[in-house]
């Protein structure tokens, strides 16, 4: 059996503190690595120039969702079977990449999503209260609407079957990208599996930027995107998924 071709994709924005160390570690587990430099204004571009990885650079900051779209398109065009995405701030452990590879080779899912809450360990950090609360609220609402059983709707450590992503119409550029992704994944009947990853928060004060730093605004924004996507995919979802949809 031919082993699937796997690309590891990493969005970065002003990660000079971490980028070299993280990429050195990632390359222990993956030979194909793509970095999306989302308009960094620090030393990140210079540090990336010395790394043997593929780099797409945005001239200006376009958002997490745009970086996700770019990584999926690259994987499609270059003929990869799977895309593993992870962050570059040491909150995702490169040593977990083999766990995703094993889940990929089990060949029973189209989306393998890391969950920081599926299995607790003594090494886990405590997330900032509003982030955990919003994650739990939105994850519960996604499960109720879509008939899913997610425990972590926001973890960016994931593996995507590239052909399955080709059925999706993804155009959200910001941090609300997961709302669109989960609704479309459910509407297209993608098989979803979670695997445990460590809960790491090495910078609890890290900013979302602009109004999303306000928890109430962030929750409202996520719900608006989710509800808009539910309406957009209504013809592929059970009627109860879009019943009484209100932002």
C-alpha atoms as a PDB file:
ATOM      1  CA  UNK A   1       0.000   0.000   0.000  1.00  0.00           C
ATOM      2  CA  UNK A   2       1.369   3.402  -0.989  1.00  0.00           C
ATOM      3  CA  UNK A   3       1.774   5.752   1.944  1.00  0.00           C
ATOM      4  CA  UNK A   4      -0.185   9.007   1.579  1.00  0.00           C
ATOM      5  CA  UNK A   5       1.707  12.186   0.706  1.00  0.00           C
ATOM      6  CA  UNK A   6       1.399  14.560   3.654  1.00  0.00           C
ATOM      7  CA  UNK A   7       2.102  18.295   3.734  1.00  0.00           C
ATOM      8  CA  UNK A   8       2.536  20.126   7.031  1.00  0.00           C
ATOM      9  CA  UNK A   9       1.220  23.692   6.755  1.00  0.00           C
ATOM     10  CA  UNK A  10       2.024  26.421   9.281  1.00  0.00           C
ATOM     11  CA  UNK A  11       0.622  29.976   9.281  1.00  0.00           C
ATOM     12  CA  UNK A  12       2.921  32.526  10.892  1.00  0.00           C
ATOM     13  CA  UNK A  13       2.615  36.178  11.809  1.00  0.00           C
ATOM     14  CA  UNK A  14       5.423  37.926  13.705  1.00  0.00           C
ATOM     15  CA  UNK A  15       6.772  34.701  15.186  1.00  0.00           C
ATOM     16  CA  UNK A  16      10.487  35.575  15.332  1.00  0.00           C
ATOM     17  CA  UNK A  17      10.652  34.208  18.864  1.00  0.00           C
ATOM     18  CA  UNK A  18       9.532  30.723  17.840  1.00  0.00           C
ATOM     19  CA  UNK A  19       9.751  30.139  14.098  1.00  0.00           C
ATOM     20  CA  UNK A  20      13.275  28.691  13.763  1.00  0.00           C
ATOM     21  CA  UNK A  21      12.941  26.393  16.762  1.00  0.00           C
ATOM     22  CA  UNK A  22       9.486  25.163  15.730  1.00  0.00           C
ATOM     23  CA  UNK A  23      10.493  24.491  12.118  1.00  0.00           C
ATOM     24  CA  UNK A  24      13.658  22.666  13.163  1.00  0.00           C
ATOM     25  CA  UNK A  25      11.470  20.389  15.274  1.00  0.00           C
ATOM     26  CA  UNK A  26       8.753  19.973  12.626  1.00  0.00           C
ATOM     27  CA  UNK A  27      11.305  18.830  10.066  1.00  0.00           C
ATOM     28  CA  UNK A  28      12.191  15.902  12.331  1.00  0.00           C
ATOM     29  CA  UNK A  29       8.757  14.487  11.537  1.00  0.00           C
ATOM     30  CA  UNK A  30       7.867  15.859   8.088  1.00  0.00           C
ATOM     31  CA  UNK A  31       9.788  16.266   4.844  1.00  0.00           C
ATOM     32  CA  UNK A  32       7.233  18.540   3.148  1.00  0.00           C
ATOM     33  CA  UNK A  33       6.546  21.796   4.993  1.00  0.00           C
ATOM     34  CA  UNK A  34       4.751  24.931   3.802  1.00  0.00           C
ATOM     35  CA  UNK A  35       4.801  28.189   5.770  1.00  0.00           C
ATOM     36  CA  UNK A  36       2.350  31.020   5.112  1.00  0.00           C
ATOM     37  CA  UNK A  37       3.968  34.253   6.288  1.00  0.00           C
ATOM     38  CA  UNK A  38       0.890  36.412   6.801  1.00  0.00           C
ATOM     39  CA  UNK A  39       2.547  39.806   6.404  1.00  0.00           C
ATOM     40  CA  UNK A  40       5.043  39.612   9.274  1.00  0.00           C
ATOM     41  CA  UNK A  41       6.742  42.904  10.137  1.00  0.00           C
ATOM     42  CA  UNK A  42       9.412  41.531  12.484  1.00  0.00           C
ATOM     43  CA  UNK A  43      12.411  39.291  11.673  1.00  0.00           C
ATOM     44  CA  UNK A  44      10.242  36.314  10.694  1.00  0.00           C
ATOM     45  CA  UNK A  45      10.810  36.690   6.895  1.00  0.00           C
ATOM     46  CA  UNK A  46      14.585  36.782   7.357  1.00  0.00           C
ATOM     47  CA  UNK A  47      14.519  33.708   9.596  1.00  0.00           C
ATOM     48  CA  UNK A  48      12.327  31.840   7.108  1.00  0.00           C
ATOM     49  CA  UNK A  49      14.864  32.510   4.348  1.00  0.00           C
ATOM     50  CA  UNK A  50      17.325  30.201   6.080  1.00  0.00           C
ATOM     51  CA  UNK A  51      14.830  27.342   6.467  1.00  0.00           C
ATOM     52  CA  UNK A  52      14.522  24.560   3.834  1.00  0.00           C
ATOM     53  CA  UNK A  53      10.739  24.921   3.584  1.00  0.00           C
ATOM     54  CA  UNK A  54       8.301  26.341   1.038  1.00  0.00           C
ATOM     55  CA  UNK A  55       7.079  29.838   1.875  1.00  0.00           C
ATOM     56  CA  UNK A  56       4.136  31.904   0.667  1.00  0.00           C
ATOM     57  CA  UNK A  57       4.348  35.505   1.833  1.00  0.00           C
ATOM     58  CA  UNK A  58       1.377  37.832   2.048  1.00  0.00           C
ATOM     59  CA  UNK A  59       2.314  41.452   1.418  1.00  0.00           C
ATOM     60  CA  UNK A  60      -0.008  42.421   4.271  1.00  0.00           C
ATOM     61  CA  UNK A  61      -1.766  40.623   7.083  1.00  0.00           C
ATOM     62  CA  UNK A  62      -4.825  38.893   5.620  1.00  0.00           C
ATOM     63  CA  UNK A  63      -5.923  36.679   8.475  1.00  0.00           C
ATOM     64  CA  UNK A  64      -5.805  33.116   9.722  1.00  0.00           C
ATOM     65  CA  UNK A  65      -8.580  31.928   7.417  1.00  0.00           C
ATOM     66  CA  UNK A  66      -6.819  33.232   4.317  1.00  0.00           C
ATOM     67  CA  UNK A  67      -3.678  31.346   5.328  1.00  0.00           C
ATOM     68  CA  UNK A  68      -5.776  28.198   5.709  1.00  0.00           C
ATOM     69  CA  UNK A  69      -7.240  28.657   2.244  1.00  0.00           C
ATOM     70  CA  UNK A  70      -3.771  29.116   0.765  1.00  0.00           C
ATOM     71  CA  UNK A  71      -2.449  25.958   2.410  1.00  0.00           C
ATOM     72  CA  UNK A  72      -5.379  23.892   1.160  1.00  0.00           C
ATOM     73  CA  UNK A  73      -4.956  25.210  -2.383  1.00  0.00           C
ATOM     74  CA  UNK A  74      -1.212  24.501  -2.348  1.00  0.00           C
ATOM     75  CA  UNK A  75      -1.851  20.932  -1.173  1.00  0.00           C
ATOM     76  CA  UNK A  76      -4.420  20.443  -3.929  1.00  0.00           C
ATOM     77  CA  UNK A  77      -2.246  21.823  -6.731  1.00  0.00           C
ATOM     78  CA  UNK A  78       0.855  19.941  -5.595  1.00  0.00           C
ATOM     79  CA  UNK A  79      -0.954  16.611  -5.364  1.00  0.00           C
ATOM     80  CA  UNK A  80      -0.765  15.962  -1.631  1.00  0.00           C
ATOM     81  CA  UNK A  81      -3.192  13.500  -0.097  1.00  0.00           C
ATOM     82  CA  UNK A  82      -3.330  15.125   3.336  1.00  0.00           C
ATOM     83  CA  UNK A  83      -2.623  18.501   4.908  1.00  0.00           C
ATOM     84  CA  UNK A  84      -1.662  18.736   8.581  1.00  0.00           C
ATOM     85  CA  UNK A  85      -1.977  22.265   9.971  1.00  0.00           C
ATOM     86  CA  UNK A  86      -0.410  23.534  13.174  1.00  0.00           C
ATOM     87  CA  UNK A  87       0.521  26.826  14.818  1.00  0.00           C
ATOM     88  CA  UNK A  88       4.019  28.256  15.174  1.00  0.00           C
ATOM     89  CA  UNK A  89       3.880  29.617  18.722  1.00  0.00           C
ATOM     90  CA  UNK A  90       4.864  26.388  20.531  1.00  0.00           C
ATOM     91  CA  UNK A  91       1.257  25.736  21.513  1.00  0.00           C
ATOM     92  CA  UNK A  92       1.169  22.719  19.185  1.00  0.00           C
ATOM     93  CA  UNK A  93       3.815  20.044  19.722  1.00  0.00           C
ATOM     94  CA  UNK A  94       5.554  18.824  16.547  1.00  0.00           C
ATOM     95  CA  UNK A  95       6.095  15.538  18.389  1.00  0.00           C
ATOM     96  CA  UNK A  96       2.340  14.917  17.940  1.00  0.00           C
ATOM     97  CA  UNK A  97       2.669  14.831  14.123  1.00  0.00           C
ATOM     98  CA  UNK A  98       3.210  11.033  14.148  1.00  0.00           C
ATOM     99  CA  UNK A  99      -0.117  10.659  15.971  1.00  0.00           C
ATOM    100  CA  UNK A 100      -1.825  12.418  13.070  1.00  0.00           C
ATOM    101  CA  UNK A 101       0.103  10.287  10.564  1.00  0.00           C
ATOM    102  CA  UNK A 102      -1.117   7.150  12.326  1.00  0.00           C
ATOM    103  CA  UNK A 103      -4.705   8.416  12.270  1.00  0.00           C
ATOM    104  CA  UNK A 104      -4.315   9.247   8.560  1.00  0.00           C
ATOM    105  CA  UNK A 105      -3.113   5.722   7.839  1.00  0.00           C
ATOM    106  CA  UNK A 106      -6.133   4.292   9.674  1.00  0.00           C
ATOM    107  CA  UNK A 107      -8.066   5.765   6.710  1.00  0.00           C
ATOM    108  CA  UNK A 108     -11.388   6.125   8.509  1.00  0.00           C
ATOM    109  CA  UNK A 109     -11.834   9.926   8.459  1.00  0.00           C
ATOM    110  CA  UNK A 110     -11.686  12.977   6.220  1.00  0.00           C
ATOM    111  CA  UNK A 111     -10.895  15.419   9.044  1.00  0.00           C
ATOM    112  CA  UNK A 112      -8.704  14.497  12.007  1.00  0.00           C
ATOM    113  CA  UNK A 113      -9.062  17.265  14.536  1.00  0.00           C
ATOM    114  CA  UNK A 114      -6.828  17.743  17.542  1.00  0.00           C
ATOM    115  CA  UNK A 115      -8.697  18.205  20.799  1.00  0.00           C
ATOM    116  CA  UNK A 116      -7.178  19.815  23.872  1.00  0.00           C
ATOM    117  CA  UNK A 117     -10.105  18.598  25.977  1.00  0.00           C
ATOM    118  CA  UNK A 118     -10.528  14.991  24.847  1.00  0.00           C
ATOM    119  CA  UNK A 119      -7.947  13.659  27.292  1.00  0.00           C
ATOM    120  CA  UNK A 120      -6.572  15.726  30.153  1.00  0.00           C
ATOM    121  CA  UNK A 121      -2.995  15.267  31.354  1.00  0.00           C
ATOM    122  CA  UNK A 122      -1.041  16.729  34.309  1.00  0.00           C
ATOM    123  CA  UNK A 123       1.044  18.679  31.770  1.00  0.00           C
ATOM    124  CA  UNK A 124      -1.934  20.645  30.439  1.00  0.00           C
ATOM    125  CA  UNK A 125      -2.032  24.395  30.962  1.00  0.00           C
ATOM    126  CA  UNK A 126      -5.113  26.322  32.054  1.00  0.00           C
ATOM    127  CA  UNK A 127      -6.515  28.467  29.215  1.00  0.00           C
ATOM    128  CA  UNK A 128      -7.685  32.023  29.847  1.00  0.00           C
ATOM    129  CA  UNK A 129     -11.229  31.811  31.199  1.00  0.00           C
ATOM    130  CA  UNK A 130     -13.017  33.639  28.399  1.00  0.00           C
ATOM    131  CA  UNK A 131     -11.313  31.544  25.687  1.00  0.00           C
ATOM    132  CA  UNK A 132     -12.290  28.253  27.292  1.00  0.00           C
ATOM    133  CA  UNK A 133     -15.837  29.487  27.893  1.00  0.00           C
ATOM    134  CA  UNK A 134     -16.294  30.698  24.306  1.00  0.00           C
ATOM    135  CA  UNK A 135     -14.787  27.497  22.931  1.00  0.00           C
ATOM    136  CA  UNK A 136     -17.165  25.400  25.032  1.00  0.00           C
ATOM    137  CA  UNK A 137     -20.191  27.515  24.067  1.00  0.00           C
ATOM    138  CA  UNK A 138     -19.519  27.511  20.334  1.00  0.00           C
ATOM    139  CA  UNK A 139     -18.509  23.837  20.291  1.00  0.00           C
ATOM    140  CA  UNK A 140     -21.783  22.940  22.008  1.00  0.00           C
ATOM    141  CA  UNK A 141     -23.787  25.031  19.533  1.00  0.00           C
ATOM    142  CA  UNK A 142     -22.011  23.405  16.569  1.00  0.00           C
ATOM    143  CA  UNK A 143     -22.755  19.963  17.985  1.00  0.00           C
ATOM    144  CA  UNK A 144     -26.411  20.804  18.584  1.00  0.00           C
ATOM    145  CA  UNK A 145     -26.914  22.303  15.122  1.00  0.00           C
ATOM    146  CA  UNK A 146     -24.880  19.822  13.101  1.00  0.00           C
ATOM    147  CA  UNK A 147     -25.246  16.577  15.025  1.00  0.00           C
ATOM    148  CA  UNK A 148     -21.518  16.451  15.726  1.00  0.00           C
ATOM    149  CA  UNK A 149     -19.732  15.275  18.863  1.00  0.00           C
ATOM    150  CA  UNK A 150     -16.781  17.656  18.957  1.00  0.00           C
ATOM    151  CA  UNK A 151     -14.990  18.445  22.188  1.00  0.00           C
ATOM    152  CA  UNK A 152     -12.823  21.251  20.770  1.00  0.00           C
ATOM    153  CA  UNK A 153     -14.178  23.355  17.911  1.00  0.00           C
ATOM    154  CA  UNK A 154     -11.195  25.702  17.675  1.00  0.00           C
ATOM    155  CA  UNK A 155      -7.993  23.669  17.761  1.00  0.00           C
ATOM    156  CA  UNK A 156      -5.869  24.491  14.713  1.00  0.00           C
ATOM    157  CA  UNK A 157      -3.868  21.255  14.935  1.00  0.00           C
ATOM    158  CA  UNK A 158      -5.704  19.211  12.299  1.00  0.00           C
ATOM    159  CA  UNK A 159      -5.293  16.874   9.362  1.00  0.00           C
ATOM    160  CA  UNK A 160      -7.452  17.374   6.268  1.00  0.00           C
ATOM    161  CA  UNK A 161      -7.997  14.905   3.438  1.00  0.00           C
ATOM    162  CA  UNK A 162      -7.198  17.139   0.481  1.00  0.00           C
ATOM    163  CA  UNK A 163      -9.774  15.682  -1.918  1.00  0.00           C
ATOM    164  CA  UNK A 164     -12.489  16.187   0.710  1.00  0.00           C
ATOM    165  CA  UNK A 165     -11.522  19.852   1.064  1.00  0.00           C
ATOM    166  CA  UNK A 166     -12.007  20.218  -2.670  1.00  0.00           C
ATOM    167  CA  UNK A 167     -15.764  19.879  -2.141  1.00  0.00           C
ATOM    168  CA  UNK A 168     -15.849  22.919   0.161  1.00  0.00           C
ATOM    169  CA  UNK A 169     -16.281  26.605  -0.711  1.00  0.00           C
ATOM    170  CA  UNK A 170     -14.140  28.331   1.893  1.00  0.00           C
ATOM    171  CA  UNK A 171     -13.788  32.119   1.810  1.00  0.00           C
ATOM    172  CA  UNK A 172     -13.591  33.301   5.440  1.00  0.00           C
ATOM    173  CA  UNK A 173     -10.290  35.109   6.069  1.00  0.00           C
ATOM    174  CA  UNK A 174     -10.391  35.665   9.837  1.00  0.00           C
ATOM    175  CA  UNK A 175     -10.378  33.696  13.070  1.00  0.00           C
ATOM    176  CA  UNK A 176     -13.999  32.726  12.438  1.00  0.00           C
ATOM    177  CA  UNK A 177     -12.809  30.338   9.691  1.00  0.00           C
ATOM    178  CA  UNK A 178     -13.611  27.240  11.825  1.00  0.00           C
ATOM    179  CA  UNK A 179     -17.289  28.220  11.923  1.00  0.00           C
ATOM    180  CA  UNK A 180     -17.495  28.061   8.142  1.00  0.00           C
ATOM    181  CA  UNK A 181     -15.382  24.924   7.941  1.00  0.00           C
ATOM    182  CA  UNK A 182     -17.417  22.859  10.417  1.00  0.00           C
ATOM    183  CA  UNK A 183     -20.761  23.797   8.872  1.00  0.00           C
ATOM    184  CA  UNK A 184     -19.561  22.958   5.362  1.00  0.00           C
ATOM    185  CA  UNK A 185     -17.867  19.749   6.524  1.00  0.00           C
ATOM    186  CA  UNK A 186     -21.134  18.581   8.086  1.00  0.00           C
ATOM    187  CA  UNK A 187     -23.150  19.666   5.049  1.00  0.00           C
ATOM    188  CA  UNK A 188     -20.850  17.630   2.781  1.00  0.00           C
ATOM    189  CA  UNK A 189     -20.932  14.596   5.063  1.00  0.00           C
ATOM    190  CA  UNK A 190     -17.214  14.566   5.816  1.00  0.00           C
ATOM    191  CA  UNK A 191     -16.120  11.965   8.356  1.00  0.00           C
ATOM    192  CA  UNK A 192     -14.696  13.668  11.445  1.00  0.00           C
ATOM    193  CA  UNK A 193     -12.470  12.178  14.112  1.00  0.00           C
ATOM    194  CA  UNK A 194     -10.799  13.799  17.105  1.00  0.00           C
ATOM    195  CA  UNK A 195      -7.483  12.796  18.648  1.00  0.00           C
ATOM    196  CA  UNK A 196      -6.052  14.205  21.896  1.00  0.00           C
ATOM    197  CA  UNK A 197      -3.347  16.876  21.848  1.00  0.00           C
ATOM    198  CA  UNK A 198      -1.776  18.716  24.756  1.00  0.00           C
ATOM    199  CA  UNK A 199      -3.373  21.893  26.058  1.00  0.00           C
ATOM    200  CA  UNK A 200      -0.601  24.504  25.954  1.00  0.00           C
ATOM    201  CA  UNK A 201      -1.006  28.241  26.595  1.00  0.00           C
ATOM    202  CA  UNK A 202       2.445  29.810  26.777  1.00  0.00           C
ATOM    203  CA  UNK A 203       1.110  33.339  26.192  1.00  0.00           C
ATOM    204  CA  UNK A 204      -2.355  33.809  27.765  1.00  0.00           C
ATOM    205  CA  UNK A 205      -2.278  37.518  26.904  1.00  0.00           C
ATOM    206  CA  UNK A 206      -1.908  36.903  23.159  1.00  0.00           C
ATOM    207  CA  UNK A 207      -4.190  39.229  21.210  1.00  0.00           C
ATOM    208  CA  UNK A 208      -6.765  38.380  18.560  1.00  0.00           C
ATOM    209  CA  UNK A 209      -6.516  41.972  17.329  1.00  0.00           C
ATOM    210  CA  UNK A 210      -9.144  44.718  17.178  1.00  0.00           C
ATOM    211  CA  UNK A 211     -12.674  44.134  18.475  1.00  0.00           C
ATOM    212  CA  UNK A 212     -12.164  40.359  18.799  1.00  0.00           C
ATOM    213  CA  UNK A 213     -10.133  40.972  21.951  1.00  0.00           C
ATOM    214  CA  UNK A 214     -13.476  41.721  23.608  1.00  0.00           C
ATOM    215  CA  UNK A 215     -15.034  38.352  24.582  1.00  0.00           C
ATOM    216  CA  UNK A 216     -18.622  39.453  23.919  1.00  0.00           C
ATOM    217  CA  UNK A 217     -17.721  40.804  20.490  1.00  0.00           C
ATOM    218  CA  UNK A 218     -15.785  37.643  19.670  1.00  0.00           C
ATOM    219  CA  UNK A 219     -18.646  35.360  20.655  1.00  0.00           C
ATOM    220  CA  UNK A 220     -21.118  37.434  18.647  1.00  0.00           C
ATOM    221  CA  UNK A 221     -18.813  37.403  15.618  1.00  0.00           C
ATOM    222  CA  UNK A 222     -18.434  33.622  15.740  1.00  0.00           C
ATOM    223  CA  UNK A 223     -22.191  33.136  16.020  1.00  0.00           C
ATOM    224  CA  UNK A 224     -22.894  35.496  13.126  1.00  0.00           C
ATOM    225  CA  UNK A 225     -20.525  33.566  10.885  1.00  0.00           C
ATOM    226  CA  UNK A 226     -21.917  30.209  11.979  1.00  0.00           C
ATOM    227  CA  UNK A 227     -25.514  31.267  11.398  1.00  0.00           C
ATOM    228  CA  UNK A 228     -24.740  32.829   8.033  1.00  0.00           C
ATOM    229  CA  UNK A 229     -23.072  29.579   6.954  1.00  0.00           C
ATOM    230  CA  UNK A 230     -25.976  27.485   8.254  1.00  0.00           C
ATOM    231  CA  UNK A 231     -28.339  29.490   6.054  1.00  0.00           C
ATOM    232  CA  UNK A 232     -25.962  29.201   3.100  1.00  0.00           C
ATOM    233  CA  UNK A 233     -25.817  25.390   3.452  1.00  0.00           C
ATOM    234  CA  UNK A 234     -29.456  24.912   4.439  1.00  0.00           C
ATOM    235  CA  UNK A 235     -30.266  22.753   1.409  1.00  0.00           C
ATOM    236  CA  UNK A 236     -27.677  20.173   2.523  1.00  0.00           C
ATOM    237  CA  UNK A 237     -28.489  20.162   6.238  1.00  0.00           C
ATOM    238  CA  UNK A 238     -31.411  18.719   8.238  1.00  0.00           C
ATOM    239  CA  UNK A 239     -34.184  21.247   8.808  1.00  0.00           C
ATOM    240  CA  UNK A 240     -33.514  21.313  12.529  1.00  0.00           C
ATOM    241  CA  UNK A 241     -29.971  22.568  11.914  1.00  0.00           C
ATOM    242  CA  UNK A 242     -31.227  25.901  10.636  1.00  0.00           C
ATOM    243  CA  UNK A 243     -34.410  26.178  12.698  1.00  0.00           C
ATOM    244  CA  UNK A 244     -34.689  29.504  14.497  1.00  0.00           C
ATOM    245  CA  UNK A 245     -31.267  30.630  13.349  1.00  0.00           C
ATOM    246  CA  UNK A 246     -30.612  34.030  14.854  1.00  0.00           C
ATOM    247  CA  UNK A 247     -27.204  35.735  15.206  1.00  0.00           C
END
